[in-house]
Amino acid sequence: MEVREYIVSPEAEGERLDSFPSERVEGYSRTYMQKLIEEGHCKINGKAAKPGLKLREGDRVEAVIPDPVPLEVEPEKIDLDIIYEDKDIIIINKPQGMVVHPAHGNYSGTLVNAVLSHCGSLSDYNSFTGINGVMRPGIVHRIDKDTSGIIVVAKNNEAHLSLSGQLKEHSITRKYTALLEGRLTSDTGRIETLIGRNPKNRKQMAVVGDNGKKAVTQYRVLERFEKHTLIEAALETGRTHQIRVHMAYLGHPVVGDTVYGFNKQKFDTKGQLLHARVLGFIHPVKKEYVEFEAPIPEYFEKVLRLLRNRSL
């Protein structure tokens, strides 16, 4: 357990309790701090207080932060394609077919299981983040199970918060390579829509008229074939299945995507031909821009060779 104390300054007088520690407690997300306040983990002048109470100059605010609980996931020795690693971050080239985080039906064989094994024991707190009260590898963003490519994992709270902040500000460079059905007529384009749950199938996402979140994808054509188009897609936002949904919205779904594309596929790809190729951001500790690239996997290249040789 950790206790942090703050004295309310004249400038902060009138602020609500549920916003005061959230803005000042470093090393924890604002959402997590608000949750602790709502659960009664913050006191004013030694007494329990409601989240909406307004503060007065000179008040002593105590924020009681519980120890992070262990993540109930077993480490598994799984080979990882590590592109870069230091004491703060790991850059991994995730293979197609690997789930990023354990969930119902996938409690083993995930990226998290592998990273837990790679980084060492959960008792080594410095190797993991305690964001939101759970000791876990710092999964900053995810890519779909059947999408391959580059992903960053934070190894401590400082790195996790920095990268999460950059992600929220849409300042992280994320470029994907995708093979689409059909021939795109324009060389470049920008798609801006709202994406939300498909009202007809809650397991899928869709472009919606309202009750969705803004989603922006920029694309440029890399190569055209007779019946297919190879593109680079850059994310301005990062909604669930964003590229897959946007390309299907254009009428050119990603090859191999049986959820948003064609049920019957020409190639045996085991999933969509979508690869997270480039990831760039400000290093959370070194404070300089870094960029990493993961080569297109062989099964993807094999399809491209077939298209080039046969003009399919």
C-alpha atoms as a PDB file:
ATOM      1  CA  MET A   1       0.000   0.000   0.000  1.00  0.00           C
ATOM      2  CA  GLU A   2       1.186   3.513  -0.827  1.00  0.00           C
ATOM      3  CA  VAL A   3      -0.079   6.764   0.681  1.00  0.00           C
ATOM      4  CA  ARG A   4       0.456  10.105  -1.049  1.00  0.00           C
ATOM      5  CA  GLU A   5      -0.402  13.416   0.600  1.00  0.00           C
ATOM      6  CA  TYR A   6      -1.134  16.785  -0.981  1.00  0.00           C
ATOM      7  CA  ILE A   7      -1.985  20.195   0.469  1.00  0.00           C
ATOM      8  CA  VAL A   8      -4.601  22.132  -1.480  1.00  0.00           C
ATOM      9  CA  SER A   9      -3.114  25.359  -2.825  1.00  0.00           C
ATOM     10  CA  PRO A  10      -5.075  28.602  -3.245  1.00  0.00           C
ATOM     11  CA  GLU A  11      -5.198  27.940  -7.002  1.00  0.00           C
ATOM     12  CA  ALA A  12      -6.812  24.532  -6.445  1.00  0.00           C
ATOM     13  CA  GLU A  13      -9.518  25.729  -4.058  1.00  0.00           C
ATOM     14  CA  GLY A  14     -12.949  24.770  -5.335  1.00  0.00           C
ATOM     15  CA  GLU A  15     -11.771  21.686  -7.223  1.00  0.00           C
ATOM     16  CA  ARG A  16     -13.725  18.491  -6.692  1.00  0.00           C
ATOM     17  CA  LEU A  17     -12.039  15.632  -4.843  1.00  0.00           C
ATOM     18  CA  ASP A  18     -12.594  13.264  -7.759  1.00  0.00           C
ATOM     19  CA  SER A  19     -10.485  15.453 -10.037  1.00  0.00           C
ATOM     20  CA  PHE A  20      -7.765  16.684  -7.668  1.00  0.00           C
ATOM     21  CA  PRO A  21      -5.632  13.498  -7.171  1.00  0.00           C
ATOM     22  CA  SER A  22      -6.361  12.333 -10.705  1.00  0.00           C
ATOM     23  CA  GLU A  23      -4.440  15.319 -12.044  1.00  0.00           C
ATOM     24  CA  ARG A  24      -1.535  15.087  -9.589  1.00  0.00           C
ATOM     25  CA  VAL A  25      -0.724  11.453  -8.749  1.00  0.00           C
ATOM     26  CA  GLU A  26       2.063  10.440 -11.109  1.00  0.00           C
ATOM     27  CA  GLY A  27       2.555   6.859 -12.222  1.00  0.00           C
ATOM     28  CA  TYR A  28      -1.150   5.957 -12.363  1.00  0.00           C
ATOM     29  CA  SER A  29      -3.829   6.526 -14.966  1.00  0.00           C
ATOM     30  CA  ARG A  30      -6.516   9.126 -14.344  1.00  0.00           C
ATOM     31  CA  THR A  31      -9.231   6.483 -14.796  1.00  0.00           C
ATOM     32  CA  TYR A  32      -7.703   4.278 -12.116  1.00  0.00           C
ATOM     33  CA  MET A  33      -7.356   7.152  -9.656  1.00  0.00           C
ATOM     34  CA  GLN A  34     -10.982   8.151 -10.162  1.00  0.00           C
ATOM     35  CA  LYS A  35     -11.982   4.548  -9.475  1.00  0.00           C
ATOM     36  CA  LEU A  36     -10.038   4.562  -6.193  1.00  0.00           C
ATOM     37  CA  ILE A  37     -11.674   7.836  -5.136  1.00  0.00           C
ATOM     38  CA  GLU A  38     -15.143   6.440  -5.848  1.00  0.00           C
ATOM     39  CA  GLU A  39     -14.263   3.389  -3.727  1.00  0.00           C
ATOM     40  CA  GLY A  40     -13.319   5.624  -0.792  1.00  0.00           C
ATOM     41  CA  HIS A  41      -9.527   5.362  -0.970  1.00  0.00           C
ATOM     42  CA  CYS A  42      -9.022   9.136  -0.653  1.00  0.00           C
ATOM     43  CA  LYS A  43      -9.471  11.196   2.511  1.00  0.00           C
ATOM     44  CA  ILE A  44      -9.621  14.907   3.335  1.00  0.00           C
ATOM     45  CA  ASN A  45      -7.973  15.929   6.611  1.00  0.00           C
ATOM     46  CA  GLY A  46      -7.992  12.283   7.718  1.00  0.00           C
ATOM     47  CA  LYS A  47     -11.719  11.753   7.123  1.00  0.00           C
ATOM     48  CA  ALA A  48     -13.565   9.868   4.396  1.00  0.00           C
ATOM     49  CA  ALA A  49     -15.142  12.146   1.812  1.00  0.00           C
ATOM     50  CA  LYS A  50     -17.460  11.877  -1.156  1.00  0.00           C
ATOM     51  CA  PRO A  51     -15.983  12.243  -4.684  1.00  0.00           C
ATOM     52  CA  GLY A  52     -17.967  15.404  -5.408  1.00  0.00           C
ATOM     53  CA  LEU A  53     -16.829  17.326  -2.317  1.00  0.00           C
ATOM     54  CA  LYS A  54     -15.202  20.659  -3.162  1.00  0.00           C
ATOM     55  CA  LEU A  55     -11.782  21.318  -1.666  1.00  0.00           C
ATOM     56  CA  ARG A  56     -10.657  24.336   0.373  1.00  0.00           C
ATOM     57  CA  GLU A  57      -7.243  25.927   0.592  1.00  0.00           C
ATOM     58  CA  GLY A  58      -5.066  24.117   3.126  1.00  0.00           C
ATOM     59  CA  ASP A  59      -7.009  20.845   3.031  1.00  0.00           C
ATOM     60  CA  ARG A  60      -4.797  17.762   3.348  1.00  0.00           C
ATOM     61  CA  VAL A  61      -5.718  15.174   0.722  1.00  0.00           C
ATOM     62  CA  GLU A  62      -4.561  11.585   1.235  1.00  0.00           C
ATOM     63  CA  ALA A  63      -4.579   9.164  -1.703  1.00  0.00           C
ATOM     64  CA  VAL A  64      -4.287   5.541  -0.564  1.00  0.00           C
ATOM     65  CA  ILE A  65      -3.093   3.334  -3.412  1.00  0.00           C
ATOM     66  CA  PRO A  66      -3.450  -0.429  -2.855  1.00  0.00           C
ATOM     67  CA  ASP A  67      -0.629  -2.748  -3.881  1.00  0.00           C
ATOM     68  CA  PRO A  68      -1.126  -4.120  -7.403  1.00  0.00           C
ATOM     69  CA  VAL A  69      -2.625  -7.601  -7.434  1.00  0.00           C
ATOM     70  CA  PRO A  70      -0.894 -10.373  -9.378  1.00  0.00           C
ATOM     71  CA  LEU A  71      -2.220 -11.129 -12.836  1.00  0.00           C
ATOM     72  CA  GLU A  72      -3.747 -14.610 -12.849  1.00  0.00           C
ATOM     73  CA  VAL A  73      -2.001 -15.718 -16.023  1.00  0.00           C
ATOM     74  CA  GLU A  74       0.745 -18.293 -16.179  1.00  0.00           C
ATOM     75  CA  PRO A  75       4.078 -17.451 -17.854  1.00  0.00           C
ATOM     76  CA  GLU A  76       4.719 -19.676 -20.865  1.00  0.00           C
ATOM     77  CA  LYS A  77       8.017 -20.144 -22.654  1.00  0.00           C
ATOM     78  CA  ILE A  78       7.015 -19.114 -26.170  1.00  0.00           C
ATOM     79  CA  ASP A  79       9.512 -17.867 -28.728  1.00  0.00           C
ATOM     80  CA  LEU A  80       9.144 -14.154 -29.417  1.00  0.00           C
ATOM     81  CA  ASP A  81      10.448 -12.239 -32.419  1.00  0.00           C
ATOM     82  CA  ILE A  82      11.906  -9.302 -30.486  1.00  0.00           C
ATOM     83  CA  ILE A  83      12.956  -6.399 -32.694  1.00  0.00           C
ATOM     84  CA  TYR A  84      14.203  -4.172 -29.867  1.00  0.00           C
ATOM     85  CA  GLU A  85      14.322  -4.198 -26.075  1.00  0.00           C
ATOM     86  CA  ASP A  86      15.611  -1.978 -23.290  1.00  0.00           C
ATOM     87  CA  LYS A  87      14.707  -1.495 -19.619  1.00  0.00           C
ATOM     88  CA  ASP A  88      11.538   0.406 -20.525  1.00  0.00           C
ATOM     89  CA  ILE A  89       9.999  -1.159 -23.640  1.00  0.00           C
ATOM     90  CA  ILE A  90       9.931  -4.270 -25.808  1.00  0.00           C
ATOM     91  CA  ILE A  91       9.152  -4.143 -29.536  1.00  0.00           C
ATOM     92  CA  ILE A  92       7.728  -7.466 -30.752  1.00  0.00           C
ATOM     93  CA  ASN A  93       6.820  -8.746 -34.207  1.00  0.00           C
ATOM     94  CA  LYS A  94       3.627 -10.679 -33.393  1.00  0.00           C
ATOM     95  CA  PRO A  95       2.858 -13.661 -35.637  1.00  0.00           C
ATOM     96  CA  GLN A  96      -0.508 -14.239 -37.260  1.00  0.00           C
ATOM     97  CA  GLY A  97      -2.687 -16.450 -35.066  1.00  0.00           C
ATOM     98  CA  MET A  98      -1.414 -15.202 -31.689  1.00  0.00           C
ATOM     99  CA  VAL A  99      -3.845 -13.477 -29.333  1.00  0.00           C
ATOM    100  CA  VAL A 100      -2.364 -10.456 -27.546  1.00  0.00           C
ATOM    101  CA  HIS A 101      -4.130 -10.628 -24.186  1.00  0.00           C
ATOM    102  CA  PRO A 102      -5.784 -13.551 -22.345  1.00  0.00           C
ATOM    103  CA  ALA A 103      -9.565 -13.576 -22.605  1.00  0.00           C
ATOM    104  CA  HIS A 104     -12.418 -16.066 -22.613  1.00  0.00           C
ATOM    105  CA  GLY A 105     -11.343 -19.046 -24.697  1.00  0.00           C
ATOM    106  CA  ASN A 106      -7.708 -17.888 -24.895  1.00  0.00           C
ATOM    107  CA  TYR A 107      -6.024 -18.117 -21.510  1.00  0.00           C
ATOM    108  CA  SER A 108      -2.764 -19.584 -22.791  1.00  0.00           C
ATOM    109  CA  GLY A 109      -0.498 -19.141 -25.764  1.00  0.00           C
ATOM    110  CA  THR A 110      -0.978 -15.375 -25.794  1.00  0.00           C
ATOM    111  CA  LEU A 111       1.562 -12.602 -26.146  1.00  0.00           C
ATOM    112  CA  VAL A 112       1.082 -11.778 -22.458  1.00  0.00           C
ATOM    113  CA  ASN A 113       1.905 -15.370 -21.445  1.00  0.00           C
ATOM    114  CA  ALA A 114       5.072 -15.166 -23.518  1.00  0.00           C
ATOM    115  CA  VAL A 115       6.123 -11.746 -22.200  1.00  0.00           C
ATOM    116  CA  LEU A 116       5.573 -12.861 -18.597  1.00  0.00           C
ATOM    117  CA  SER A 117       8.014 -15.701 -19.193  1.00  0.00           C
ATOM    118  CA  HIS A 118      10.500 -13.503 -21.040  1.00  0.00           C
ATOM    119  CA  CYS A 119      10.582 -10.740 -18.409  1.00  0.00           C
ATOM    120  CA  GLY A 120      10.777 -12.948 -15.332  1.00  0.00           C
ATOM    121  CA  SER A 121       8.783 -13.341 -12.140  1.00  0.00           C
ATOM    122  CA  LEU A 122       5.765 -11.215 -11.295  1.00  0.00           C
ATOM    123  CA  SER A 123       7.566 -10.414  -8.042  1.00  0.00           C
ATOM    124  CA  ASP A 124      10.027  -8.380 -10.114  1.00  0.00           C
ATOM    125  CA  TYR A 125       7.794  -5.306 -10.052  1.00  0.00           C
ATOM    126  CA  ASN A 126      10.157  -3.175 -12.133  1.00  0.00           C
ATOM    127  CA  SER A 127       9.566  -5.456 -15.106  1.00  0.00           C
ATOM    128  CA  PHE A 128       5.814  -4.881 -15.082  1.00  0.00           C
ATOM    129  CA  THR A 129       3.317  -2.090 -14.783  1.00  0.00           C
ATOM    130  CA  GLY A 130       0.794  -1.599 -12.017  1.00  0.00           C
ATOM    131  CA  ILE A 131      -1.554   0.514 -14.113  1.00  0.00           C
ATOM    132  CA  ASN A 132      -5.169   0.087 -12.922  1.00  0.00           C
ATOM    133  CA  GLY A 133      -4.058  -1.977  -9.942  1.00  0.00           C
ATOM    134  CA  VAL A 134      -2.973  -5.159 -11.718  1.00  0.00           C
ATOM    135  CA  MET A 135       0.632  -6.205 -12.249  1.00  0.00           C
ATOM    136  CA  ARG A 136       0.827  -7.063 -15.928  1.00  0.00           C
ATOM    137  CA  PRO A 137       3.022  -6.553 -18.944  1.00  0.00           C
ATOM    138  CA  GLY A 138       2.154  -3.085 -20.214  1.00  0.00           C
ATOM    139  CA  ILE A 139      -0.019  -3.794 -23.227  1.00  0.00           C
ATOM    140  CA  VAL A 140      -0.393  -0.306 -24.675  1.00  0.00           C
ATOM    141  CA  HIS A 141      -2.265  -1.283 -27.837  1.00  0.00           C
ATOM    142  CA  ARG A 142      -3.442  -4.489 -29.481  1.00  0.00           C
ATOM    143  CA  ILE A 143      -3.614  -5.976 -32.923  1.00  0.00           C
ATOM    144  CA  ASP A 144      -6.082  -8.652 -33.970  1.00  0.00           C
ATOM    145  CA  LYS A 145      -5.295 -12.323 -33.552  1.00  0.00           C
ATOM    146  CA  ASP A 146      -4.989 -12.931 -37.294  1.00  0.00           C
ATOM    147  CA  THR A 147      -3.185  -9.668 -38.016  1.00  0.00           C
ATOM    148  CA  SER A 148       0.589  -9.919 -37.891  1.00  0.00           C
ATOM    149  CA  GLY A 149       3.132  -7.280 -37.040  1.00  0.00           C
ATOM    150  CA  ILE A 150       4.690  -4.864 -34.650  1.00  0.00           C
ATOM    151  CA  ILE A 151       3.521  -4.124 -31.122  1.00  0.00           C
ATOM    152  CA  VAL A 152       5.118  -2.272 -28.188  1.00  0.00           C
ATOM    153  CA  VAL A 153       4.982  -3.516 -24.595  1.00  0.00           C
ATOM    154  CA  ALA A 154       5.785  -1.162 -21.700  1.00  0.00           C
ATOM    155  CA  LYS A 155       7.891  -2.571 -18.862  1.00  0.00           C
ATOM    156  CA  ASN A 156       7.113   0.025 -16.194  1.00  0.00           C
ATOM    157  CA  ASN A 157       4.476   2.601 -15.244  1.00  0.00           C
ATOM    158  CA  GLU A 158       6.384   5.575 -16.642  1.00  0.00           C
ATOM    159  CA  ALA A 159       6.674   3.966 -20.065  1.00  0.00           C
ATOM    160  CA  HIS A 160       3.074   2.764 -20.019  1.00  0.00           C
ATOM    161  CA  LEU A 161       1.637   6.177 -19.171  1.00  0.00           C
ATOM    162  CA  SER A 162       3.820   7.955 -21.730  1.00  0.00           C
ATOM    163  CA  LEU A 163       2.887   5.592 -24.558  1.00  0.00           C
ATOM    164  CA  SER A 164      -0.787   5.541 -23.588  1.00  0.00           C
ATOM    165  CA  GLY A 165      -0.775   9.336 -23.630  1.00  0.00           C
ATOM    166  CA  GLN A 166       0.775   9.420 -27.096  1.00  0.00           C
ATOM    167  CA  LEU A 167      -1.780   6.895 -28.295  1.00  0.00           C
ATOM    168  CA  LYS A 168      -4.611   9.042 -26.933  1.00  0.00           C
ATOM    169  CA  GLU A 169      -3.166  12.118 -28.656  1.00  0.00           C
ATOM    170  CA  HIS A 170      -2.918  10.190 -31.962  1.00  0.00           C
ATOM    171  CA  SER A 171       0.784  11.046 -32.199  1.00  0.00           C
ATOM    172  CA  ILE A 172       2.057   7.468 -32.628  1.00  0.00           C
ATOM    173  CA  THR A 173       3.002   6.452 -36.181  1.00  0.00           C
ATOM    174  CA  ARG A 174       1.211   3.226 -37.170  1.00  0.00           C
ATOM    175  CA  LYS A 175       1.439   2.006 -40.733  1.00  0.00           C
ATOM    176  CA  TYR A 176      -0.018  -1.254 -42.007  1.00  0.00           C
ATOM    177  CA  THR A 177       0.391  -3.145 -45.264  1.00  0.00           C
ATOM    178  CA  ALA A 178      -2.796  -4.753 -46.581  1.00  0.00           C
ATOM    179  CA  LEU A 179      -3.846  -6.656 -49.684  1.00  0.00           C
ATOM    180  CA  LEU A 180      -7.350  -5.741 -50.784  1.00  0.00           C
ATOM    181  CA  GLU A 181      -9.927  -7.385 -52.988  1.00  0.00           C
ATOM    182  CA  GLY A 182     -10.455  -5.528 -56.286  1.00  0.00           C
ATOM    183  CA  ARG A 183      -8.657  -2.540 -57.784  1.00  0.00           C
ATOM    184  CA  LEU A 184      -8.739   0.789 -55.978  1.00  0.00           C
ATOM    185  CA  THR A 185      -9.112   3.594 -58.501  1.00  0.00           C
ATOM    186  CA  SER A 186      -7.562   6.396 -56.435  1.00  0.00           C
ATOM    187  CA  ASP A 187      -3.864   6.385 -55.549  1.00  0.00           C
ATOM    188  CA  THR A 188      -4.444   7.922 -52.121  1.00  0.00           C
ATOM    189  CA  GLY A 189      -7.376   8.543 -49.846  1.00  0.00           C
ATOM    190  CA  ARG A 190      -8.599   9.446 -46.377  1.00  0.00           C
ATOM    191  CA  ILE A 191     -11.531   7.679 -44.743  1.00  0.00           C
ATOM    192  CA  GLU A 192     -13.270   9.419 -41.835  1.00  0.00           C
ATOM    193  CA  THR A 193     -16.345   7.781 -40.292  1.00  0.00           C
ATOM    194  CA  LEU A 194     -17.842   6.737 -36.993  1.00  0.00           C
ATOM    195  CA  ILE A 195     -17.196   3.120 -36.008  1.00  0.00           C
ATOM    196  CA  GLY A 196     -19.280   1.264 -33.446  1.00  0.00           C
ATOM    197  CA  ARG A 197     -20.871  -2.075 -32.750  1.00  0.00           C
ATOM    198  CA  ASN A 198     -22.790  -3.505 -35.677  1.00  0.00           C
ATOM    199  CA  PRO A 199     -26.465  -3.220 -34.618  1.00  0.00           C
ATOM    200  CA  LYS A 200     -27.226  -6.429 -36.531  1.00  0.00           C
ATOM    201  CA  ASN A 201     -24.286  -8.391 -35.092  1.00  0.00           C
ATOM    202  CA  ARG A 202     -22.848  -7.202 -31.784  1.00  0.00           C
ATOM    203  CA  LYS A 203     -19.712  -9.324 -32.272  1.00  0.00           C
ATOM    204  CA  GLN A 204     -18.708  -7.180 -35.241  1.00  0.00           C
ATOM    205  CA  MET A 205     -17.832  -3.526 -35.727  1.00  0.00           C
ATOM    206  CA  ALA A 206     -19.308  -1.353 -38.468  1.00  0.00           C
ATOM    207  CA  VAL A 207     -19.460   2.152 -39.890  1.00  0.00           C
ATOM    208  CA  VAL A 208     -22.442   3.696 -38.072  1.00  0.00           C
ATOM    209  CA  GLY A 209     -24.444   6.879 -38.351  1.00  0.00           C
ATOM    210  CA  ASP A 210     -24.353   7.674 -34.648  1.00  0.00           C
ATOM    211  CA  ASN A 211     -23.294   6.210 -31.290  1.00  0.00           C
ATOM    212  CA  GLY A 212     -19.861   5.447 -32.725  1.00  0.00           C
ATOM    213  CA  LYS A 213     -16.345   6.798 -32.272  1.00  0.00           C
ATOM    214  CA  LYS A 214     -14.464   8.869 -34.821  1.00  0.00           C
ATOM    215  CA  ALA A 215     -12.189   6.712 -36.958  1.00  0.00           C
ATOM    216  CA  VAL A 216      -9.708   8.031 -39.521  1.00  0.00           C
ATOM    217  CA  THR A 217      -7.561   5.965 -41.888  1.00  0.00           C
ATOM    218  CA  GLN A 218      -5.266   7.292 -44.605  1.00  0.00           C
ATOM    219  CA  TYR A 219      -4.150   4.998 -47.397  1.00  0.00           C
ATOM    220  CA  ARG A 220      -1.947   4.975 -50.475  1.00  0.00           C
ATOM    221  CA  VAL A 221      -1.646   2.371 -53.199  1.00  0.00           C
ATOM    222  CA  LEU A 222       1.666   0.493 -53.298  1.00  0.00           C
ATOM    223  CA  GLU A 223       0.929  -1.894 -56.160  1.00  0.00           C
ATOM    224  CA  ARG A 224      -2.008  -2.886 -58.354  1.00  0.00           C
ATOM    225  CA  PHE A 225      -2.824  -6.300 -59.733  1.00  0.00           C
ATOM    226  CA  GLU A 226      -5.604  -7.432 -62.052  1.00  0.00           C
ATOM    227  CA  LYS A 227      -8.074  -8.129 -59.246  1.00  0.00           C
ATOM    228  CA  HIS A 228      -6.280  -6.940 -56.122  1.00  0.00           C
ATOM    229  CA  THR A 229      -4.586  -3.848 -54.647  1.00  0.00           C
ATOM    230  CA  LEU A 230      -1.681  -3.637 -52.211  1.00  0.00           C
ATOM    231  CA  ILE A 231      -1.894  -0.586 -49.958  1.00  0.00           C
ATOM    232  CA  GLU A 232      -0.265   1.106 -47.009  1.00  0.00           C
ATOM    233  CA  ALA A 233      -2.810   2.205 -44.408  1.00  0.00           C
ATOM    234  CA  ALA A 234      -1.860   4.758 -41.737  1.00  0.00           C
ATOM    235  CA  LEU A 235      -3.986   5.066 -38.610  1.00  0.00           C
ATOM    236  CA  GLU A 236      -4.906   8.460 -37.211  1.00  0.00           C
ATOM    237  CA  THR A 237      -7.152   6.716 -34.668  1.00  0.00           C
ATOM    238  CA  GLY A 238      -7.132   3.149 -33.410  1.00  0.00           C
ATOM    239  CA  ARG A 239     -10.631   1.723 -33.268  1.00  0.00           C
ATOM    240  CA  THR A 240     -11.325  -1.997 -33.062  1.00  0.00           C
ATOM    241  CA  HIS A 241     -10.888  -3.622 -36.506  1.00  0.00           C
ATOM    242  CA  GLN A 242     -10.583  -0.115 -37.994  1.00  0.00           C
ATOM    243  CA  ILE A 243      -8.692  -0.910 -41.203  1.00  0.00           C
ATOM    244  CA  ARG A 244     -10.730  -4.034 -41.878  1.00  0.00           C
ATOM    245  CA  VAL A 245     -14.008  -2.149 -41.389  1.00  0.00           C
ATOM    246  CA  HIS A 246     -12.912   0.863 -43.443  1.00  0.00           C
ATOM    247  CA  MET A 247     -11.682  -1.205 -46.373  1.00  0.00           C
ATOM    248  CA  ALA A 248     -14.908  -3.233 -46.414  1.00  0.00           C
ATOM    249  CA  TYR A 249     -16.800   0.084 -46.283  1.00  0.00           C
ATOM    250  CA  LEU A 250     -14.988   1.100 -49.488  1.00  0.00           C
ATOM    251  CA  GLY A 251     -16.051  -2.160 -51.101  1.00  0.00           C
ATOM    252  CA  HIS A 252     -12.504  -3.544 -51.047  1.00  0.00           C
ATOM    253  CA  PRO A 253     -12.214  -5.851 -48.014  1.00  0.00           C
ATOM    254  CA  VAL A 254      -8.879  -7.228 -46.893  1.00  0.00           C
ATOM    255  CA  VAL A 255      -7.961 -10.528 -48.542  1.00  0.00           C
ATOM    256  CA  GLY A 256      -8.487 -13.410 -46.116  1.00  0.00           C
ATOM    257  CA  ASP A 257     -10.949 -11.494 -43.930  1.00  0.00           C
ATOM    258  CA  THR A 258     -14.006 -13.748 -43.683  1.00  0.00           C
ATOM    259  CA  VAL A 259     -15.635 -11.517 -41.030  1.00  0.00           C
ATOM    260  CA  TYR A 260     -15.846  -8.298 -43.055  1.00  0.00           C
ATOM    261  CA  GLY A 261     -14.999  -9.682 -46.478  1.00  0.00           C
ATOM    262  CA  PHE A 262     -15.783 -12.682 -48.633  1.00  0.00           C
ATOM    263  CA  ASN A 263     -16.772 -16.042 -47.150  1.00  0.00           C
ATOM    264  CA  LYS A 264     -15.044 -17.847 -50.003  1.00  0.00           C
ATOM    265  CA  GLN A 265     -11.374 -16.944 -50.331  1.00  0.00           C
ATOM    266  CA  LYS A 266      -9.009 -17.527 -53.255  1.00  0.00           C
ATOM    267  CA  PHE A 267      -5.922 -18.015 -51.059  1.00  0.00           C
ATOM    268  CA  ASP A 268      -5.388 -20.218 -48.001  1.00  0.00           C
ATOM    269  CA  THR A 269      -4.082 -17.437 -45.744  1.00  0.00           C
ATOM    270  CA  LYS A 270      -5.337 -18.593 -42.291  1.00  0.00           C
ATOM    271  CA  GLY A 271      -6.501 -15.020 -41.748  1.00  0.00           C
ATOM    272  CA  GLN A 272      -6.489 -11.513 -43.216  1.00  0.00           C
ATOM    273  CA  LEU A 273      -3.455 -10.276 -45.155  1.00  0.00           C
ATOM    274  CA  LEU A 274      -2.954  -7.290 -42.876  1.00  0.00           C
ATOM    275  CA  HIS A 275       0.443  -6.573 -41.351  1.00  0.00           C
ATOM    276  CA  ALA A 276       1.427  -3.884 -38.823  1.00  0.00           C
ATOM    277  CA  ARG A 277       4.679  -2.894 -40.519  1.00  0.00           C
ATOM    278  CA  VAL A 278       5.810   0.400 -38.932  1.00  0.00           C
ATOM    279  CA  LEU A 279       5.521   1.773 -35.393  1.00  0.00           C
ATOM    280  CA  GLY A 280       7.037   5.085 -34.312  1.00  0.00           C
ATOM    281  CA  PHE A 281       6.774   7.142 -31.120  1.00  0.00           C
ATOM    282  CA  ILE A 282       8.670   9.320 -28.656  1.00  0.00           C
ATOM    283  CA  HIS A 283      10.671   7.010 -26.417  1.00  0.00           C
ATOM    284  CA  PRO A 284       9.123   7.368 -22.922  1.00  0.00           C
ATOM    285  CA  VAL A 285      12.493   7.868 -21.191  1.00  0.00           C
ATOM    286  CA  LYS A 286      14.981   8.934 -23.861  1.00  0.00           C
ATOM    287  CA  LYS A 287      12.454  11.512 -25.156  1.00  0.00           C
ATOM    288  CA  GLU A 288      13.532  11.070 -28.771  1.00  0.00           C
ATOM    289  CA  TYR A 289      11.555   9.771 -31.731  1.00  0.00           C
ATOM    290  CA  VAL A 290      12.161   6.105 -32.503  1.00  0.00           C
ATOM    291  CA  GLU A 291      10.710   4.045 -35.329  1.00  0.00           C
ATOM    292  CA  PHE A 292      10.656   0.311 -35.892  1.00  0.00           C
ATOM    293  CA  GLU A 293       9.705  -1.864 -38.842  1.00  0.00           C
ATOM    294  CA  ALA A 294       8.646  -5.511 -39.099  1.00  0.00           C
ATOM    295  CA  PRO A 295       9.082  -7.208 -42.484  1.00  0.00           C
ATOM    296  CA  ILE A 296       6.061  -8.659 -44.262  1.00  0.00           C
ATOM    297  CA  PRO A 297       5.744 -12.355 -43.304  1.00  0.00           C
ATOM    298  CA  GLU A 298       6.551 -15.080 -45.817  1.00  0.00           C
ATOM    299  CA  TYR A 299       2.948 -16.301 -46.298  1.00  0.00           C
ATOM    300  CA  PHE A 300       1.983 -12.730 -47.271  1.00  0.00           C
ATOM    301  CA  GLU A 301       4.945 -12.421 -49.640  1.00  0.00           C
ATOM    302  CA  LYS A 302       4.024 -15.770 -51.199  1.00  0.00           C
ATOM    303  CA  VAL A 303       0.615 -14.437 -52.230  1.00  0.00           C
ATOM    304  CA  LEU A 304       2.222 -11.307 -53.654  1.00  0.00           C
ATOM    305  CA  ARG A 305       4.627 -13.430 -55.709  1.00  0.00           C
ATOM    306  CA  LEU A 306       1.709 -15.435 -57.065  1.00  0.00           C
ATOM    307  CA  LEU A 307      -0.092 -12.243 -58.044  1.00  0.00           C
ATOM    308  CA  ARG A 308       3.003 -10.806 -59.731  1.00  0.00           C
ATOM    309  CA  ASN A 309       3.791 -14.001 -61.639  1.00  0.00           C
ATOM    310  CA  ARG A 310       0.252 -14.868 -62.697  1.00  0.00           C
ATOM    311  CA  SER A 311      -1.446 -11.451 -62.719  1.00  0.00           C
ATOM    312  CA  LEU A 312      -4.386 -12.992 -60.826  1.00  0.00           C
END
